[in-house]
Amino acid sequence: MTAKRLRSTVELYRSREIVQIPYDLSDPLDRAIWTVLQLYIDHIERLAILAAEEFDRPEVWNALQLYIEHPDTEGYLRSLRFLQAWELEEYLKDLRDAMQGARPMDPAELYYTARRVAEALFAPENEPITYSIPRDFWEAERESLPDGALERGETPAQLAQTLAPLAHMLRVSLGEHVSRSEAARRLSLTPSEVALRIERGQLRAIRVDGNVLVCVADLPGG
């Protein structure tokens, strides 16, 4: 008997298993979370279609079947190391609740959760470990939505505005970061030595537009 895969509320809503969206879409952050989940599921479905074509299984058209019924194609998807949609949703809700003071999270847990979200959203399909956050997303202003935008509805061209609250949440959760050269100066090391410490997991770092930024909390005085 095949185990039933957990599903996100977006998937449940699309399949009409729930009739009410469990987010307040008048709230900018809730709207951003709901929107990014929709985009993520669309991405997973596209990968599922590609996997079905590669393994010559044209009847397999969704990630649910790939995860549960076809272990050969599941290996293909698992190799990409992406989160299942429900997992991403749980991470996003945890970050939201932490931001709003409804769920205590220590700094290490907060950072890990935000990193997993960033990896899921921005990792290339063929190099899941090497991800880079787009600079316009990283620097998005928290309050970039114009007055009345939520009531009027957003067009695809205005997507960056819709996701700005989520970008702010990630940036706050990850904490302050500085360039690798600045980290080297603070540590009295060469940039190469800093890179080695990052590789060894002694320093936490993220990539923004391909540039390595080091977590200030791991530096002297941080």
N, C-alpha and C. Protein backbone atom coordinates (compact mmCIF):
# COMPACT_ATOMS: atom_id res chain seq x y z
N MET A 1 0.85 -1.20 0.00
CA MET A 1 0.00 0.00 0.00
C MET A 1 0.88 1.24 0.00
N THR A 2 0.60 2.19 -0.86
CA THR A 2 1.41 3.39 -0.99
C THR A 2 1.07 4.39 0.10
N ALA A 3 2.13 4.92 0.73
CA ALA A 3 1.92 5.92 1.78
C ALA A 3 1.45 7.23 1.16
N LYS A 4 0.63 7.93 1.90
CA LYS A 4 0.12 9.19 1.41
C LYS A 4 1.12 10.31 1.71
N ARG A 5 1.49 11.08 0.71
CA ARG A 5 2.44 12.16 0.90
C ARG A 5 1.74 13.37 1.50
N LEU A 6 2.42 14.02 2.42
CA LEU A 6 1.90 15.27 2.95
C LEU A 6 1.90 16.32 1.85
N ARG A 7 0.94 17.21 1.90
CA ARG A 7 0.83 18.23 0.87
C ARG A 7 0.67 19.61 1.50
N SER A 8 1.10 20.60 0.77
CA SER A 8 0.97 21.98 1.22
C SER A 8 -0.48 22.42 1.08
N THR A 9 -0.81 23.53 1.73
CA THR A 9 -2.17 24.04 1.62
C THR A 9 -2.47 24.56 0.21
N VAL A 10 -1.45 24.97 -0.52
CA VAL A 10 -1.66 25.39 -1.91
C VAL A 10 -2.12 24.19 -2.74
N GLU A 11 -1.45 23.05 -2.56
CA GLU A 11 -1.85 21.84 -3.29
C GLU A 11 -3.26 21.40 -2.90
N LEU A 12 -3.56 21.47 -1.62
CA LEU A 12 -4.90 21.10 -1.16
C LEU A 12 -5.96 22.04 -1.73
N TYR A 13 -5.62 23.32 -1.81
CA TYR A 13 -6.56 24.30 -2.35
C TYR A 13 -6.77 24.07 -3.85
N ARG A 14 -5.68 23.78 -4.56
CA ARG A 14 -5.80 23.55 -6.00
C ARG A 14 -6.61 22.30 -6.30
N SER A 15 -6.51 21.31 -5.44
CA SER A 15 -7.27 20.07 -5.66
C SER A 15 -8.67 20.15 -5.06
N ARG A 16 -9.02 21.32 -4.50
CA ARG A 16 -10.34 21.60 -3.92
C ARG A 16 -10.64 20.75 -2.68
N GLU A 17 -9.57 20.30 -2.02
CA GLU A 17 -9.77 19.58 -0.76
C GLU A 17 -9.96 20.55 0.40
N ILE A 18 -9.55 21.78 0.20
CA ILE A 18 -9.94 22.86 1.10
C ILE A 18 -10.50 23.98 0.23
N VAL A 19 -11.42 24.74 0.76
CA VAL A 19 -12.10 25.75 -0.05
C VAL A 19 -11.72 27.17 0.36
N GLN A 20 -11.03 27.29 1.47
CA GLN A 20 -10.65 28.61 1.95
C GLN A 20 -9.15 28.70 2.11
N ILE A 21 -8.56 29.74 1.56
CA ILE A 21 -7.12 29.95 1.67
C ILE A 21 -6.77 30.24 3.13
N PRO A 22 -5.84 29.50 3.72
CA PRO A 22 -5.54 29.66 5.14
C PRO A 22 -4.55 30.78 5.43
N TYR A 23 -4.55 31.80 4.63
CA TYR A 23 -3.68 32.95 4.82
C TYR A 23 -4.51 34.22 4.66
N ASP A 24 -4.11 35.25 5.35
CA ASP A 24 -4.75 36.55 5.22
C ASP A 24 -4.08 37.30 4.07
N LEU A 25 -4.68 37.27 2.90
CA LEU A 25 -4.05 37.86 1.72
C LEU A 25 -4.04 39.38 1.74
N SER A 26 -4.69 39.98 2.73
CA SER A 26 -4.57 41.43 2.89
C SER A 26 -3.32 41.78 3.69
N ASP A 27 -2.68 40.75 4.28
CA ASP A 27 -1.43 40.95 5.01
C ASP A 27 -0.27 40.73 4.04
N PRO A 28 0.63 41.70 3.89
CA PRO A 28 1.70 41.58 2.89
C PRO A 28 2.57 40.32 3.05
N LEU A 29 2.90 39.95 4.29
CA LEU A 29 3.75 38.77 4.47
C LEU A 29 3.01 37.48 4.16
N ASP A 30 1.78 37.36 4.62
CA ASP A 30 0.99 36.18 4.29
C ASP A 30 0.80 36.06 2.78
N ARG A 31 0.55 37.19 2.13
CA ARG A 31 0.38 37.17 0.68
C ARG A 31 1.67 36.73 -0.01
N ALA A 32 2.81 37.18 0.50
CA ALA A 32 4.10 36.80 -0.09
C ALA A 32 4.34 35.31 0.07
N ILE A 33 4.03 34.76 1.25
CA ILE A 33 4.22 33.33 1.49
C ILE A 33 3.33 32.52 0.56
N TRP A 34 2.07 32.88 0.45
CA TRP A 34 1.14 32.16 -0.44
C TRP A 34 1.62 32.22 -1.89
N THR A 35 2.09 33.39 -2.31
CA THR A 35 2.54 33.56 -3.69
C THR A 35 3.78 32.72 -3.98
N VAL A 36 4.75 32.74 -3.08
CA VAL A 36 5.99 32.00 -3.34
C VAL A 36 5.73 30.50 -3.29
N LEU A 37 4.79 30.06 -2.49
CA LEU A 37 4.43 28.64 -2.49
C LEU A 37 3.82 28.23 -3.82
N GLN A 38 2.97 29.07 -4.39
CA GLN A 38 2.40 28.77 -5.70
C GLN A 38 3.49 28.66 -6.76
N LEU A 39 4.43 29.60 -6.74
CA LEU A 39 5.53 29.58 -7.70
C LEU A 39 6.39 28.34 -7.51
N TYR A 40 6.63 27.96 -6.27
CA TYR A 40 7.48 26.81 -5.98
C TYR A 40 6.82 25.52 -6.48
N ILE A 41 5.53 25.39 -6.25
CA ILE A 41 4.82 24.19 -6.71
C ILE A 41 4.81 24.12 -8.23
N ASP A 42 4.64 25.26 -8.88
CA ASP A 42 4.73 25.27 -10.34
C ASP A 42 6.10 24.77 -10.80
N HIS A 43 7.15 25.18 -10.08
CA HIS A 43 8.51 24.76 -10.41
C HIS A 43 8.66 23.24 -10.22
N ILE A 44 8.15 22.72 -9.11
CA ILE A 44 8.23 21.28 -8.85
C ILE A 44 7.48 20.49 -9.91
N GLU A 45 6.32 20.98 -10.28
CA GLU A 45 5.54 20.30 -11.32
C GLU A 45 6.28 20.28 -12.65
N ARG A 46 6.97 21.38 -12.96
CA ARG A 46 7.74 21.40 -14.21
C ARG A 46 8.86 20.36 -14.16
N LEU A 47 9.54 20.25 -13.01
CA LEU A 47 10.58 19.23 -12.86
C LEU A 47 10.00 17.83 -12.99
N ALA A 48 8.80 17.65 -12.45
CA ALA A 48 8.14 16.35 -12.54
C ALA A 48 7.86 15.97 -13.99
N ILE A 49 7.41 16.95 -14.76
CA ILE A 49 7.12 16.70 -16.17
C ILE A 49 8.41 16.34 -16.90
N LEU A 50 9.49 17.06 -16.63
CA LEU A 50 10.77 16.77 -17.27
C LEU A 50 11.27 15.38 -16.88
N ALA A 51 11.11 15.03 -15.60
CA ALA A 51 11.53 13.71 -15.15
C ALA A 51 10.70 12.61 -15.82
N ALA A 52 9.40 12.85 -15.95
CA ALA A 52 8.54 11.87 -16.60
C ALA A 52 8.97 11.64 -18.04
N GLU A 53 9.34 12.72 -18.72
CA GLU A 53 9.79 12.60 -20.10
C GLU A 53 11.12 11.86 -20.17
N GLU A 54 12.03 12.17 -19.24
CA GLU A 54 13.35 11.55 -19.26
C GLU A 54 13.27 10.05 -19.02
N PHE A 55 12.36 9.63 -18.15
CA PHE A 55 12.22 8.22 -17.82
C PHE A 55 11.14 7.54 -18.65
N ASP A 56 10.68 8.26 -19.67
CA ASP A 56 9.71 7.70 -20.60
C ASP A 56 8.46 7.22 -19.86
N ARG A 57 8.00 8.06 -18.95
CA ARG A 57 6.76 7.75 -18.23
C ARG A 57 5.79 8.92 -18.43
N PRO A 58 5.23 9.09 -19.63
CA PRO A 58 4.40 10.26 -19.91
C PRO A 58 3.17 10.38 -19.04
N GLU A 59 2.78 9.26 -18.39
CA GLU A 59 1.58 9.35 -17.54
C GLU A 59 1.88 10.02 -16.21
N VAL A 60 3.15 10.17 -15.87
CA VAL A 60 3.52 10.78 -14.60
C VAL A 60 3.64 12.28 -14.81
N TRP A 61 2.68 13.00 -14.30
CA TRP A 61 2.66 14.45 -14.55
C TRP A 61 2.63 15.29 -13.29
N ASN A 62 2.87 14.69 -12.16
CA ASN A 62 2.91 15.53 -10.97
C ASN A 62 3.87 14.96 -9.94
N ALA A 63 4.35 15.85 -9.08
CA ALA A 63 5.37 15.48 -8.10
C ALA A 63 4.84 14.46 -7.10
N LEU A 64 3.54 14.46 -6.84
CA LEU A 64 2.97 13.50 -5.90
C LEU A 64 3.24 12.08 -6.38
N GLN A 65 2.95 11.79 -7.65
CA GLN A 65 3.19 10.45 -8.17
C GLN A 65 4.68 10.11 -8.18
N LEU A 66 5.50 11.08 -8.53
CA LEU A 66 6.93 10.83 -8.59
C LEU A 66 7.50 10.49 -7.22
N TYR A 67 7.04 11.19 -6.21
CA TYR A 67 7.54 10.92 -4.86
C TYR A 67 7.14 9.54 -4.38
N ILE A 68 5.89 9.16 -4.64
CA ILE A 68 5.33 8.00 -3.99
C ILE A 68 5.37 6.73 -4.85
N GLU A 69 5.05 6.84 -6.13
CA GLU A 69 4.79 5.64 -6.91
C GLU A 69 5.95 5.17 -7.77
N HIS A 70 6.93 6.03 -8.02
CA HIS A 70 7.96 5.68 -8.97
C HIS A 70 9.35 5.96 -8.40
N PRO A 71 9.92 4.99 -7.67
CA PRO A 71 11.21 5.22 -7.02
C PRO A 71 12.34 5.51 -7.99
N ASP A 72 12.23 5.07 -9.25
CA ASP A 72 13.31 5.38 -10.20
C ASP A 72 13.36 6.88 -10.48
N THR A 73 12.22 7.49 -10.74
CA THR A 73 12.21 8.93 -10.98
C THR A 73 12.35 9.71 -9.70
N GLU A 74 11.95 9.11 -8.58
CA GLU A 74 12.12 9.80 -7.30
C GLU A 74 13.59 10.09 -7.05
N GLY A 75 14.46 9.15 -7.43
CA GLY A 75 15.89 9.37 -7.28
C GLY A 75 16.35 10.58 -8.04
N TYR A 76 15.79 10.78 -9.23
CA TYR A 76 16.14 11.95 -10.03
C TYR A 76 15.76 13.23 -9.30
N LEU A 77 14.55 13.28 -8.76
CA LEU A 77 14.11 14.48 -8.07
C LEU A 77 14.86 14.67 -6.76
N ARG A 78 15.07 13.59 -6.01
CA ARG A 78 15.76 13.70 -4.74
C ARG A 78 17.19 14.21 -4.93
N SER A 79 17.79 13.86 -6.08
CA SER A 79 19.15 14.32 -6.33
C SER A 79 19.23 15.83 -6.41
N LEU A 80 18.10 16.47 -6.68
CA LEU A 80 18.07 17.93 -6.74
C LEU A 80 18.01 18.55 -5.35
N ARG A 81 17.68 17.73 -4.35
CA ARG A 81 17.68 18.16 -2.95
C ARG A 81 16.71 19.30 -2.66
N PHE A 82 15.64 19.40 -3.40
CA PHE A 82 14.69 20.44 -3.08
C PHE A 82 13.75 19.97 -1.98
N LEU A 83 13.11 20.91 -1.33
CA LEU A 83 12.14 20.58 -0.30
C LEU A 83 10.81 20.21 -0.95
N GLN A 84 10.07 19.34 -0.31
CA GLN A 84 8.69 19.17 -0.71
C GLN A 84 7.94 20.45 -0.33
N ALA A 85 6.86 20.71 -1.05
CA ALA A 85 6.16 21.98 -0.86
C ALA A 85 5.67 22.16 0.57
N TRP A 86 5.19 21.09 1.18
CA TRP A 86 4.70 21.21 2.56
C TRP A 86 5.84 21.54 3.52
N GLU A 87 7.04 21.02 3.22
CA GLU A 87 8.20 21.33 4.07
C GLU A 87 8.56 22.81 3.95
N LEU A 88 8.59 23.32 2.73
CA LEU A 88 8.88 24.73 2.52
C LEU A 88 7.84 25.59 3.24
N GLU A 89 6.57 25.18 3.16
CA GLU A 89 5.52 25.94 3.82
C GLU A 89 5.74 25.97 5.33
N GLU A 90 6.13 24.85 5.91
CA GLU A 90 6.37 24.81 7.36
C GLU A 90 7.53 25.72 7.74
N TYR A 91 8.60 25.71 6.96
CA TYR A 91 9.72 26.60 7.23
C TYR A 91 9.29 28.07 7.15
N LEU A 92 8.53 28.39 6.12
CA LEU A 92 8.08 29.77 5.95
C LEU A 92 7.19 30.21 7.11
N LYS A 93 6.29 29.34 7.53
CA LYS A 93 5.40 29.68 8.65
C LYS A 93 6.19 29.81 9.95
N ASP A 94 7.21 28.96 10.13
CA ASP A 94 8.04 29.07 11.33
C ASP A 94 8.75 30.42 11.37
N LEU A 95 9.29 30.84 10.22
CA LEU A 95 9.97 32.14 10.15
C LEU A 95 8.98 33.28 10.42
N ARG A 96 7.81 33.18 9.81
CA ARG A 96 6.79 34.21 10.02
C ARG A 96 6.41 34.30 11.49
N ASP A 97 6.17 33.16 12.11
CA ASP A 97 5.76 33.16 13.51
C ASP A 97 6.87 33.67 14.42
N ALA A 98 8.12 33.36 14.06
CA ALA A 98 9.25 33.88 14.83
C ALA A 98 9.35 35.40 14.70
N MET A 99 9.13 35.89 13.48
CA MET A 99 9.18 37.34 13.24
C MET A 99 8.09 38.05 14.04
N GLN A 100 6.95 37.41 14.18
CA GLN A 100 5.81 38.03 14.86
C GLN A 100 5.79 37.72 16.35
N GLY A 101 6.81 37.01 16.84
CA GLY A 101 6.90 36.72 18.26
C GLY A 101 6.01 35.59 18.74
N ALA A 102 5.42 34.84 17.80
CA ALA A 102 4.51 33.77 18.18
C ALA A 102 5.21 32.43 18.36
N ARG A 103 6.47 32.33 17.90
CA ARG A 103 7.22 31.08 18.02
C ARG A 103 8.67 31.40 18.36
N PRO A 104 9.10 31.09 19.58
CA PRO A 104 10.50 31.35 19.94
C PRO A 104 11.45 30.47 19.13
N MET A 105 12.49 31.08 18.57
CA MET A 105 13.52 30.34 17.86
C MET A 105 14.87 30.92 18.24
N ASP A 106 15.82 30.03 18.57
CA ASP A 106 17.15 30.55 18.89
C ASP A 106 17.83 30.97 17.58
N PRO A 107 18.86 31.81 17.65
CA PRO A 107 19.49 32.34 16.43
C PRO A 107 19.97 31.26 15.47
N ALA A 108 20.52 30.17 15.99
CA ALA A 108 21.02 29.10 15.13
C ALA A 108 19.89 28.45 14.34
N GLU A 109 18.76 28.19 15.02
CA GLU A 109 17.61 27.59 14.35
C GLU A 109 17.01 28.54 13.33
N LEU A 110 16.97 29.81 13.69
CA LEU A 110 16.44 30.82 12.77
C LEU A 110 17.28 30.89 11.51
N TYR A 111 18.59 30.89 11.68
CA TYR A 111 19.50 30.96 10.54
C TYR A 111 19.35 29.71 9.66
N TYR A 112 19.32 28.54 10.29
CA TYR A 112 19.20 27.30 9.53
C TYR A 112 17.90 27.29 8.72
N THR A 113 16.82 27.69 9.35
CA THR A 113 15.52 27.69 8.67
C THR A 113 15.53 28.63 7.47
N ALA A 114 16.08 29.83 7.66
CA ALA A 114 16.15 30.79 6.56
C ALA A 114 17.05 30.29 5.44
N ARG A 115 18.15 29.62 5.80
CA ARG A 115 19.04 29.05 4.78
C ARG A 115 18.33 27.99 3.95
N ARG A 116 17.55 27.15 4.60
CA ARG A 116 16.83 26.10 3.86
C ARG A 116 15.83 26.73 2.89
N VAL A 117 15.18 27.79 3.30
CA VAL A 117 14.25 28.48 2.41
C VAL A 117 15.01 29.06 1.22
N ALA A 118 16.14 29.73 1.48
CA ALA A 118 16.92 30.33 0.40
C ALA A 118 17.42 29.26 -0.57
N GLU A 119 17.88 28.14 -0.04
CA GLU A 119 18.35 27.05 -0.90
C GLU A 119 17.22 26.55 -1.79
N ALA A 120 16.04 26.37 -1.20
CA ALA A 120 14.90 25.86 -1.97
C ALA A 120 14.48 26.82 -3.07
N LEU A 121 14.50 28.11 -2.78
CA LEU A 121 13.99 29.09 -3.73
C LEU A 121 14.99 29.45 -4.82
N PHE A 122 16.28 29.38 -4.51
CA PHE A 122 17.26 29.95 -5.44
C PHE A 122 18.33 28.98 -5.94
N ALA A 123 18.30 27.71 -5.51
CA ALA A 123 19.32 26.78 -5.99
C ALA A 123 19.08 26.43 -7.45
N PRO A 124 20.14 26.43 -8.27
CA PRO A 124 19.99 25.96 -9.65
C PRO A 124 19.57 24.50 -9.65
N GLU A 125 18.89 24.07 -10.70
CA GLU A 125 18.38 22.71 -10.75
C GLU A 125 19.50 21.68 -10.74
N ASN A 126 20.64 22.00 -11.37
CA ASN A 126 21.70 21.01 -11.48
C ASN A 126 22.78 21.18 -10.43
N GLU A 127 22.72 22.25 -9.63
CA GLU A 127 23.70 22.47 -8.57
C GLU A 127 22.99 22.98 -7.33
N PRO A 128 22.27 22.09 -6.64
CA PRO A 128 21.43 22.54 -5.53
C PRO A 128 22.20 23.13 -4.36
N ILE A 129 23.47 22.76 -4.20
CA ILE A 129 24.23 23.28 -3.07
C ILE A 129 24.70 24.70 -3.33
N THR A 130 24.91 25.04 -4.59
CA THR A 130 25.39 26.36 -4.96
C THR A 130 24.21 27.23 -5.36
N TYR A 131 23.77 28.05 -4.44
CA TYR A 131 22.65 28.93 -4.74
C TYR A 131 23.11 30.37 -4.57
N SER A 132 22.43 31.27 -5.22
CA SER A 132 22.76 32.69 -5.10
C SER A 132 21.46 33.49 -5.07
N ILE A 133 21.31 34.29 -4.04
CA ILE A 133 20.13 35.11 -3.89
C ILE A 133 20.25 36.33 -4.81
N PRO A 134 19.28 36.60 -5.65
CA PRO A 134 19.36 37.79 -6.51
C PRO A 134 19.44 39.06 -5.67
N ARG A 135 20.28 40.00 -6.09
CA ARG A 135 20.48 41.20 -5.29
C ARG A 135 19.21 42.02 -5.15
N ASP A 136 18.40 42.10 -6.21
CA ASP A 136 17.18 42.90 -6.09
C ASP A 136 16.21 42.30 -5.09
N PHE A 137 16.24 40.97 -4.94
CA PHE A 137 15.42 40.33 -3.91
C PHE A 137 16.02 40.60 -2.53
N TRP A 138 17.32 40.44 -2.40
CA TRP A 138 18.00 40.62 -1.11
C TRP A 138 17.83 42.04 -0.58
N GLU A 139 17.81 43.01 -1.49
CA GLU A 139 17.75 44.41 -1.07
C GLU A 139 16.35 44.99 -1.15
N ALA A 140 15.35 44.13 -1.39
CA ALA A 140 13.97 44.63 -1.51
C ALA A 140 13.54 45.30 -0.23
N GLU A 141 12.86 46.40 -0.37
CA GLU A 141 12.36 47.13 0.79
C GLU A 141 11.15 46.41 1.38
N ARG A 142 11.05 46.42 2.68
CA ARG A 142 9.95 45.74 3.35
C ARG A 142 8.60 46.32 2.94
N GLU A 143 8.52 47.62 2.86
CA GLU A 143 7.24 48.26 2.57
C GLU A 143 7.24 48.81 1.15
N SER A 144 7.43 47.91 0.17
CA SER A 144 7.50 48.38 -1.21
C SER A 144 6.15 48.35 -1.93
N LEU A 145 5.14 47.78 -1.29
CA LEU A 145 3.83 47.73 -1.94
C LEU A 145 3.14 49.09 -1.88
N PRO A 146 2.72 49.62 -3.01
CA PRO A 146 2.01 50.90 -2.99
C PRO A 146 0.65 50.75 -2.33
N ASP A 147 0.13 51.83 -1.82
CA ASP A 147 -1.17 51.80 -1.17
C ASP A 147 -2.23 51.26 -2.12
N GLY A 148 -3.03 50.32 -1.61
CA GLY A 148 -4.13 49.78 -2.41
C GLY A 148 -3.75 48.67 -3.35
N ALA A 149 -2.46 48.29 -3.39
CA ALA A 149 -2.02 47.28 -4.35
C ALA A 149 -2.67 45.92 -4.07
N LEU A 150 -2.80 45.57 -2.79
CA LEU A 150 -3.39 44.27 -2.46
C LEU A 150 -4.85 44.21 -2.87
N GLU A 151 -5.55 45.31 -2.70
CA GLU A 151 -6.96 45.32 -3.06
C GLU A 151 -7.14 45.26 -4.59
N ARG A 152 -6.22 45.91 -5.31
CA ARG A 152 -6.34 45.93 -6.77
C ARG A 152 -5.88 44.62 -7.39
N GLY A 153 -4.97 43.91 -6.71
CA GLY A 153 -4.40 42.70 -7.28
C GLY A 153 -3.10 43.01 -8.00
N GLU A 154 -2.15 42.10 -7.92
CA GLU A 154 -0.84 42.32 -8.52
C GLU A 154 -0.73 41.62 -9.87
N THR A 155 -0.06 42.23 -10.79
CA THR A 155 0.25 41.60 -12.06
C THR A 155 1.59 40.90 -11.94
N PRO A 156 1.92 39.97 -12.87
CA PRO A 156 3.24 39.32 -12.80
C PRO A 156 4.41 40.30 -12.80
N ALA A 157 4.26 41.42 -13.48
CA ALA A 157 5.34 42.40 -13.53
C ALA A 157 5.59 43.04 -12.17
N GLN A 158 4.63 42.95 -11.27
CA GLN A 158 4.77 43.54 -9.95
C GLN A 158 5.10 42.49 -8.89
N LEU A 159 5.55 41.32 -9.34
CA LEU A 159 5.80 40.22 -8.42
C LEU A 159 6.85 40.57 -7.38
N ALA A 160 7.88 41.31 -7.77
CA ALA A 160 8.94 41.67 -6.83
C ALA A 160 8.38 42.45 -5.65
N GLN A 161 7.40 43.29 -5.91
CA GLN A 161 6.76 44.04 -4.83
C GLN A 161 6.02 43.11 -3.88
N THR A 162 5.34 42.14 -4.45
CA THR A 162 4.59 41.20 -3.62
C THR A 162 5.50 40.40 -2.71
N LEU A 163 6.67 40.00 -3.22
CA LEU A 163 7.58 39.16 -2.45
C LEU A 163 8.51 39.93 -1.53
N ALA A 164 8.48 41.25 -1.57
CA ALA A 164 9.38 42.06 -0.75
C ALA A 164 9.27 41.74 0.74
N PRO A 165 8.07 41.55 1.30
CA PRO A 165 8.00 41.22 2.74
C PRO A 165 8.70 39.90 3.07
N LEU A 166 8.65 38.93 2.15
CA LEU A 166 9.34 37.67 2.37
C LEU A 166 10.84 37.86 2.32
N ALA A 167 11.30 38.71 1.40
CA ALA A 167 12.73 39.02 1.31
C ALA A 167 13.21 39.65 2.61
N HIS A 168 12.42 40.55 3.14
CA HIS A 168 12.77 41.19 4.41
C HIS A 168 12.84 40.16 5.53
N MET A 169 11.90 39.24 5.56
CA MET A 169 11.89 38.20 6.59
C MET A 169 13.15 37.34 6.52
N LEU A 170 13.55 36.97 5.31
CA LEU A 170 14.76 36.17 5.16
C LEU A 170 15.99 36.94 5.59
N ARG A 171 16.06 38.19 5.20
CA ARG A 171 17.23 39.01 5.53
C ARG A 171 17.37 39.18 7.05
N VAL A 172 16.26 39.44 7.72
CA VAL A 172 16.30 39.58 9.18
C VAL A 172 16.67 38.26 9.83
N SER A 173 16.12 37.15 9.33
CA SER A 173 16.39 35.85 9.92
C SER A 173 17.84 35.42 9.73
N LEU A 174 18.42 35.74 8.60
CA LEU A 174 19.81 35.38 8.34
C LEU A 174 20.78 36.30 9.08
N GLY A 175 20.35 37.50 9.40
CA GLY A 175 21.20 38.43 10.12
C GLY A 175 22.14 39.19 9.20
N GLU A 176 22.94 40.04 9.82
CA GLU A 176 23.85 40.89 9.05
C GLU A 176 24.98 40.06 8.44
N HIS A 177 25.35 40.40 7.22
CA HIS A 177 26.46 39.76 6.52
C HIS A 177 27.38 40.83 5.95
N VAL A 178 28.66 40.49 5.83
CA VAL A 178 29.64 41.39 5.22
C VAL A 178 30.39 40.64 4.14
N SER A 179 31.11 41.39 3.32
CA SER A 179 31.88 40.78 2.23
C SER A 179 32.99 39.89 2.79
N ARG A 180 33.48 39.01 1.95
CA ARG A 180 34.56 38.12 2.38
C ARG A 180 35.82 38.91 2.72
N SER A 181 36.07 39.98 1.98
CA SER A 181 37.26 40.80 2.27
C SER A 181 37.13 41.50 3.62
N GLU A 182 35.92 41.96 3.95
CA GLU A 182 35.71 42.59 5.24
C GLU A 182 35.84 41.56 6.36
N ALA A 183 35.33 40.37 6.13
CA ALA A 183 35.47 39.30 7.12
C ALA A 183 36.95 38.97 7.33
N ALA A 184 37.72 38.96 6.25
CA ALA A 184 39.16 38.69 6.36
C ALA A 184 39.84 39.77 7.20
N ARG A 185 39.45 41.01 6.99
CA ARG A 185 40.04 42.11 7.76
C ARG A 185 39.73 41.96 9.24
N ARG A 186 38.48 41.62 9.56
CA ARG A 186 38.09 41.49 10.97
C ARG A 186 38.76 40.31 11.64
N LEU A 187 39.05 39.27 10.87
CA LEU A 187 39.66 38.07 11.42
C LEU A 187 41.19 38.08 11.30
N SER A 188 41.73 39.12 10.64
CA SER A 188 43.18 39.20 10.38
C SER A 188 43.64 37.97 9.59
N LEU A 189 42.85 37.62 8.58
CA LEU A 189 43.16 36.50 7.70
C LEU A 189 43.17 36.98 6.26
N THR A 190 43.64 36.14 5.36
CA THR A 190 43.55 36.44 3.94
C THR A 190 42.17 35.99 3.45
N PRO A 191 41.68 36.55 2.36
CA PRO A 191 40.40 36.09 1.80
C PRO A 191 40.41 34.59 1.52
N SER A 192 41.56 34.05 1.11
CA SER A 192 41.64 32.61 0.84
C SER A 192 41.45 31.79 2.11
N GLU A 193 42.01 32.29 3.21
CA GLU A 193 41.84 31.60 4.49
C GLU A 193 40.38 31.67 4.95
N VAL A 194 39.74 32.79 4.69
CA VAL A 194 38.31 32.91 5.02
C VAL A 194 37.51 31.91 4.18
N ALA A 195 37.84 31.81 2.90
CA ALA A 195 37.15 30.85 2.02
C ALA A 195 37.31 29.43 2.52
N LEU A 196 38.50 29.10 3.03
CA LEU A 196 38.76 27.76 3.56
C LEU A 196 37.91 27.50 4.80
N ARG A 197 37.78 28.50 5.66
CA ARG A 197 36.95 28.34 6.86
C ARG A 197 35.48 28.16 6.49
N ILE A 198 35.04 28.86 5.46
CA ILE A 198 33.66 28.69 4.99
C ILE A 198 33.47 27.27 4.48
N GLU A 199 34.43 26.79 3.69
CA GLU A 199 34.35 25.45 3.14
C GLU A 199 34.31 24.39 4.23
N ARG A 200 35.03 24.62 5.32
CA ARG A 200 35.09 23.68 6.43
C ARG A 200 33.89 23.80 7.37
N GLY A 201 33.02 24.78 7.12
CA GLY A 201 31.86 24.98 7.97
C GLY A 201 32.16 25.75 9.24
N GLN A 202 33.33 26.39 9.30
CA GLN A 202 33.69 27.18 10.48
C GLN A 202 33.10 28.58 10.44
N LEU A 203 32.72 29.02 9.26
CA LEU A 203 32.06 30.31 9.08
C LEU A 203 30.82 30.09 8.22
N ARG A 204 29.73 30.72 8.59
CA ARG A 204 28.51 30.64 7.78
C ARG A 204 28.53 31.74 6.73
N ALA A 205 28.06 31.40 5.55
CA ALA A 205 28.08 32.38 4.46
C ALA A 205 26.93 32.12 3.52
N ILE A 206 26.54 33.16 2.81
CA ILE A 206 25.53 33.07 1.76
C ILE A 206 26.09 33.71 0.50
N ARG A 207 25.41 33.51 -0.60
CA ARG A 207 25.79 34.16 -1.85
C ARG A 207 24.68 35.09 -2.30
N VAL A 208 25.04 36.30 -2.62
CA VAL A 208 24.10 37.27 -3.18
C VAL A 208 24.68 37.74 -4.50
N ASP A 209 23.97 37.46 -5.58
CA ASP A 209 24.47 37.75 -6.92
C ASP A 209 25.86 37.15 -7.16
N GLY A 210 26.10 35.98 -6.58
CA GLY A 210 27.37 35.29 -6.76
C GLY A 210 28.46 35.74 -5.82
N ASN A 211 28.24 36.80 -5.07
CA ASN A 211 29.25 37.30 -4.13
C ASN A 211 29.06 36.64 -2.77
N VAL A 212 30.15 36.15 -2.19
CA VAL A 212 30.09 35.49 -0.90
C VAL A 212 30.02 36.52 0.21
N LEU A 213 29.02 36.39 1.07
CA LEU A 213 28.85 37.25 2.24
C LEU A 213 28.93 36.39 3.48
N VAL A 214 29.69 36.87 4.48
CA VAL A 214 29.94 36.10 5.69
C VAL A 214 29.05 36.62 6.82
N CYS A 215 28.51 35.68 7.60
CA CYS A 215 27.64 36.03 8.72
C CYS A 215 28.42 36.78 9.79
N VAL A 216 27.97 37.97 10.14
CA VAL A 216 28.65 38.81 11.12
C VAL A 216 28.67 38.15 12.49
N ALA A 217 27.66 37.36 12.81
CA ALA A 217 27.60 36.69 14.11
C ALA A 217 28.77 35.76 14.34
N ASP A 218 29.44 35.31 13.27
CA ASP A 218 30.58 34.40 13.38
C ASP A 218 31.91 35.15 13.47
N LEU A 219 31.86 36.47 13.44
CA LEU A 219 33.09 37.28 13.45
C LEU A 219 33.31 37.93 14.82
N PRO A 220 34.52 38.34 15.13
CA PRO A 220 34.79 39.01 16.41
C PRO A 220 33.86 40.21 16.60
N GLY A 221 33.26 40.27 17.77
CA GLY A 221 32.35 41.37 18.06
C GLY A 221 30.97 41.19 17.50
N GLY A 222 30.76 40.06 16.77
CA GLY A 222 29.45 39.84 16.17
C GLY A 222 28.45 39.31 17.14
